Amino acid sequence: MSGRGGFHWYDSRYQWDAIVLDECTTSLFILRLSVNINWYEARDLLQVDIESKSKTCGVGPGMSFSNCLLQESVVFMLILVLCLVL
């Protein structure tokens, strides 16, 4: 569910507006696996290091879903392993 939100056409290219909604804020209890097999605190833009350079990687539903799941369940931590669909 790679996002495309938050980008606007400006000066002949897409630029990110850097606006992150409250529902998408980072949490110490949500980690993601990076392309170089290291664990990092998850934050938008979630798939920026695995997305193709030809695609615009923006804000998607990943962080808001993860935060909601963390609040509504009894789990202590969420681990995100992102995948790329060509």
N, C-alpha and C. Protein backbone atom coordinates (compact mmCIF):
# COMPACT_ATOMS: atom_id res chain seq x y z
N MET A 1 0.83 -1.17 0.00
CA MET A 1 0.00 0.00 0.00
C MET A 1 0.88 1.24 0.00
N SER A 2 1.73 1.31 -0.97
CA SER A 2 2.62 2.47 -1.07
C SER A 2 1.79 3.71 -1.38
N GLY A 3 2.04 4.76 -0.64
CA GLY A 3 1.27 5.98 -0.81
C GLY A 3 1.82 6.88 -1.89
N ARG A 4 0.95 7.71 -2.40
CA ARG A 4 1.33 8.73 -3.37
C ARG A 4 0.92 10.11 -2.89
N GLY A 5 0.38 10.20 -1.67
CA GLY A 5 -0.13 11.46 -1.16
C GLY A 5 0.96 12.41 -0.70
N GLY A 6 0.63 13.69 -0.68
CA GLY A 6 1.54 14.70 -0.17
C GLY A 6 2.47 15.29 -1.20
N PHE A 7 2.36 14.85 -2.45
CA PHE A 7 3.21 15.39 -3.51
C PHE A 7 2.40 16.29 -4.42
N HIS A 8 3.01 17.37 -4.82
CA HIS A 8 2.37 18.33 -5.72
C HIS A 8 3.34 18.71 -6.82
N TRP A 9 2.80 18.96 -8.00
CA TRP A 9 3.62 19.35 -9.15
C TRP A 9 4.07 20.79 -8.96
N TYR A 10 5.37 20.99 -8.91
CA TYR A 10 5.92 22.33 -8.72
C TYR A 10 7.27 22.40 -9.41
N ASP A 11 7.48 23.43 -10.18
CA ASP A 11 8.77 23.68 -10.83
C ASP A 11 9.22 22.47 -11.66
N SER A 12 8.31 21.95 -12.46
CA SER A 12 8.56 20.85 -13.40
C SER A 12 8.87 19.51 -12.76
N ARG A 13 8.50 19.32 -11.50
CA ARG A 13 8.68 18.02 -10.84
C ARG A 13 7.77 17.94 -9.63
N TYR A 14 7.58 16.71 -9.12
CA TYR A 14 6.79 16.50 -7.92
C TYR A 14 7.64 16.79 -6.69
N GLN A 15 7.07 17.54 -5.75
CA GLN A 15 7.77 17.84 -4.50
C GLN A 15 6.85 17.51 -3.33
N TRP A 16 7.44 16.94 -2.27
CA TRP A 16 6.68 16.57 -1.09
C TRP A 16 6.42 17.80 -0.24
N ASP A 17 5.18 17.95 0.25
CA ASP A 17 4.82 19.11 1.07
C ASP A 17 5.21 18.94 2.54
N ALA A 18 5.70 17.76 2.93
CA ALA A 18 6.19 17.47 4.29
C ALA A 18 5.11 17.58 5.36
N ILE A 19 3.85 17.51 4.97
CA ILE A 19 2.75 17.53 5.94
C ILE A 19 2.41 16.09 6.31
N VAL A 20 2.49 15.79 7.60
CA VAL A 20 2.16 14.46 8.11
C VAL A 20 1.01 14.62 9.10
N LEU A 21 -0.09 13.94 8.86
CA LEU A 21 -1.26 14.03 9.74
C LEU A 21 -0.97 13.42 11.10
N ASP A 22 -1.74 13.82 12.10
CA ASP A 22 -1.55 13.30 13.46
C ASP A 22 -1.68 11.78 13.52
N GLU A 23 -2.56 11.22 12.69
CA GLU A 23 -2.77 9.78 12.67
C GLU A 23 -1.54 9.03 12.14
N CYS A 24 -0.66 9.74 11.49
CA CYS A 24 0.51 9.13 10.86
C CYS A 24 1.81 9.41 11.61
N THR A 25 1.72 9.89 12.83
CA THR A 25 2.93 10.23 13.57
C THR A 25 3.73 8.98 13.92
N THR A 26 5.00 9.20 14.19
CA THR A 26 5.89 8.09 14.52
C THR A 26 5.65 7.60 15.94
N SER A 27 6.08 6.39 16.20
CA SER A 27 5.97 5.80 17.52
C SER A 27 7.18 4.91 17.75
N LEU A 28 7.68 4.92 18.96
CA LEU A 28 8.81 4.04 19.30
C LEU A 28 8.41 2.57 19.26
N PHE A 29 7.12 2.31 19.21
CA PHE A 29 6.61 0.94 19.24
C PHE A 29 6.23 0.40 17.87
N ILE A 30 6.56 1.16 16.82
CA ILE A 30 6.33 0.70 15.45
C ILE A 30 7.67 0.75 14.73
N LEU A 31 8.17 -0.42 14.36
CA LEU A 31 9.45 -0.51 13.68
C LEU A 31 9.25 -1.01 12.26
N ARG A 32 10.20 -0.67 11.39
CA ARG A 32 10.16 -1.16 10.01
C ARG A 32 11.52 -1.71 9.63
N LEU A 33 11.50 -2.70 8.76
CA LEU A 33 12.73 -3.29 8.25
C LEU A 33 13.13 -2.53 6.99
N SER A 34 14.35 -2.02 6.97
CA SER A 34 14.81 -1.25 5.81
C SER A 34 15.38 -2.17 4.74
N VAL A 35 15.69 -1.59 3.60
CA VAL A 35 16.23 -2.36 2.49
C VAL A 35 17.60 -2.94 2.82
N ASN A 36 18.35 -2.33 3.73
CA ASN A 36 19.66 -2.85 4.12
C ASN A 36 19.58 -3.73 5.37
N ILE A 37 18.40 -4.27 5.66
CA ILE A 37 18.15 -5.24 6.74
C ILE A 37 18.50 -4.67 8.12
N ASN A 38 18.09 -3.47 8.38
CA ASN A 38 18.21 -2.85 9.70
C ASN A 38 16.83 -2.42 10.17
N TRP A 39 16.62 -2.39 11.49
CA TRP A 39 15.35 -1.97 12.05
C TRP A 39 15.41 -0.48 12.37
N TYR A 40 14.38 0.24 11.94
CA TYR A 40 14.27 1.67 12.19
C TYR A 40 12.88 1.99 12.71
N GLU A 41 12.76 3.11 13.38
CA GLU A 41 11.45 3.62 13.78
C GLU A 41 10.68 3.95 12.50
N ALA A 42 9.49 3.41 12.38
CA ALA A 42 8.69 3.62 11.17
C ALA A 42 8.20 5.06 11.12
N ARG A 43 8.24 5.63 9.94
CA ARG A 43 7.74 6.99 9.71
C ARG A 43 7.41 7.13 8.23
N ASP A 44 6.52 8.04 7.93
CA ASP A 44 6.25 8.32 6.52
C ASP A 44 7.43 9.09 5.97
N LEU A 45 7.83 8.81 4.90
CA LEU A 45 7.45 8.01 3.76
C LEU A 45 7.96 6.59 3.96
N LEU A 46 7.05 5.66 4.20
CA LEU A 46 7.41 4.31 4.62
C LEU A 46 8.29 3.56 3.63
N GLN A 47 7.99 3.65 2.35
CA GLN A 47 8.68 2.82 1.37
C GLN A 47 9.71 3.58 0.55
N VAL A 48 10.22 4.65 1.10
CA VAL A 48 11.12 5.50 0.32
C VAL A 48 12.40 4.79 -0.10
N ASP A 49 12.89 3.85 0.67
CA ASP A 49 14.14 3.19 0.30
C ASP A 49 13.96 1.94 -0.55
N ILE A 50 12.73 1.46 -0.72
CA ILE A 50 12.52 0.28 -1.57
C ILE A 50 11.75 0.60 -2.84
N GLU A 51 11.19 1.78 -2.91
CA GLU A 51 10.38 2.17 -4.07
C GLU A 51 11.28 2.48 -5.26
N SER A 52 10.81 2.18 -6.44
CA SER A 52 11.54 2.47 -7.66
C SER A 52 11.79 3.97 -7.78
N LYS A 53 12.91 4.34 -8.31
CA LYS A 53 13.24 5.76 -8.50
C LYS A 53 12.32 6.43 -9.50
N SER A 54 11.65 5.64 -10.34
CA SER A 54 10.75 6.21 -11.33
C SER A 54 9.36 6.50 -10.77
N LYS A 55 9.09 6.04 -9.53
CA LYS A 55 7.79 6.28 -8.91
C LYS A 55 7.91 7.30 -7.79
N THR A 56 6.85 8.03 -7.57
CA THR A 56 6.81 8.98 -6.46
C THR A 56 6.32 8.25 -5.22
N CYS A 57 7.13 8.23 -4.19
CA CYS A 57 6.77 7.57 -2.94
C CYS A 57 6.25 8.62 -1.98
N GLY A 58 4.98 8.54 -1.63
CA GLY A 58 4.36 9.54 -0.77
C GLY A 58 3.73 8.94 0.46
N VAL A 59 2.87 9.72 1.08
CA VAL A 59 2.18 9.30 2.30
C VAL A 59 1.04 8.35 1.91
N GLY A 60 0.97 7.23 2.60
CA GLY A 60 -0.08 6.25 2.35
C GLY A 60 -0.76 5.86 3.64
N PRO A 61 -1.55 4.80 3.63
CA PRO A 61 -2.31 4.38 4.81
C PRO A 61 -1.51 3.59 5.83
N GLY A 62 -0.26 3.28 5.57
CA GLY A 62 0.52 2.40 6.44
C GLY A 62 0.67 2.87 7.87
N MET A 63 1.08 4.10 8.09
CA MET A 63 1.31 4.59 9.45
C MET A 63 0.00 4.82 10.20
N SER A 64 -1.02 5.33 9.53
CA SER A 64 -2.30 5.54 10.23
C SER A 64 -2.90 4.20 10.63
N PHE A 65 -2.81 3.19 9.76
CA PHE A 65 -3.29 1.86 10.09
C PHE A 65 -2.49 1.26 11.25
N SER A 66 -1.18 1.41 11.22
CA SER A 66 -0.33 0.87 12.29
C SER A 66 -0.62 1.52 13.63
N ASN A 67 -0.78 2.85 13.65
CA ASN A 67 -1.10 3.55 14.89
C ASN A 67 -2.46 3.13 15.44
N CYS A 68 -3.44 2.97 14.57
CA CYS A 68 -4.77 2.54 14.99
C CYS A 68 -4.71 1.12 15.56
N LEU A 69 -4.00 0.24 14.88
CA LEU A 69 -3.86 -1.13 15.34
C LEU A 69 -3.15 -1.19 16.70
N LEU A 70 -2.15 -0.37 16.88
CA LEU A 70 -1.42 -0.33 18.14
C LEU A 70 -2.30 0.15 19.29
N GLN A 71 -3.15 1.14 19.03
CA GLN A 71 -4.04 1.69 20.06
C GLN A 71 -5.17 0.74 20.42
N GLU A 72 -5.68 0.02 19.44
CA GLU A 72 -6.87 -0.80 19.64
C GLU A 72 -6.59 -2.24 20.03
N SER A 73 -5.35 -2.62 20.15
CA SER A 73 -5.04 -4.02 20.46
C SER A 73 -4.17 -4.11 21.71
N VAL A 74 -3.85 -5.31 22.08
CA VAL A 74 -3.05 -5.53 23.28
C VAL A 74 -1.58 -5.79 22.95
N VAL A 75 -1.21 -5.60 21.70
CA VAL A 75 0.19 -5.83 21.32
C VAL A 75 1.07 -4.72 21.87
N PHE A 76 2.30 -5.07 22.15
CA PHE A 76 3.25 -4.11 22.70
C PHE A 76 3.99 -3.36 21.60
N MET A 77 4.27 -4.05 20.49
CA MET A 77 5.05 -3.46 19.42
C MET A 77 4.59 -4.02 18.08
N LEU A 78 4.67 -3.19 17.04
CA LEU A 78 4.37 -3.63 15.68
C LEU A 78 5.65 -3.65 14.87
N ILE A 79 5.80 -4.67 14.07
CA ILE A 79 6.95 -4.80 13.19
C ILE A 79 6.43 -4.78 11.76
N LEU A 80 6.92 -3.85 10.95
CA LEU A 80 6.50 -3.73 9.56
C LEU A 80 7.61 -4.25 8.65
N VAL A 81 7.26 -5.20 7.82
CA VAL A 81 8.18 -5.68 6.79
C VAL A 81 7.52 -5.33 5.47
N LEU A 82 8.05 -4.33 4.82
CA LEU A 82 7.43 -3.81 3.60
C LEU A 82 7.86 -4.64 2.40
N CYS A 83 6.99 -4.69 1.41
CA CYS A 83 7.32 -5.41 0.18
C CYS A 83 7.05 -4.50 -1.00
N LEU A 84 7.67 -4.82 -2.09
CA LEU A 84 7.54 -4.02 -3.29
C LEU A 84 6.84 -4.84 -4.36
N VAL A 85 5.84 -4.26 -4.98
CA VAL A 85 5.14 -4.90 -6.08
C VAL A 85 5.50 -4.14 -7.34
N LEU A 86 6.06 -4.84 -8.30
CA LEU A 86 6.48 -4.19 -9.54
C LEU A 86 5.33 -3.99 -10.48
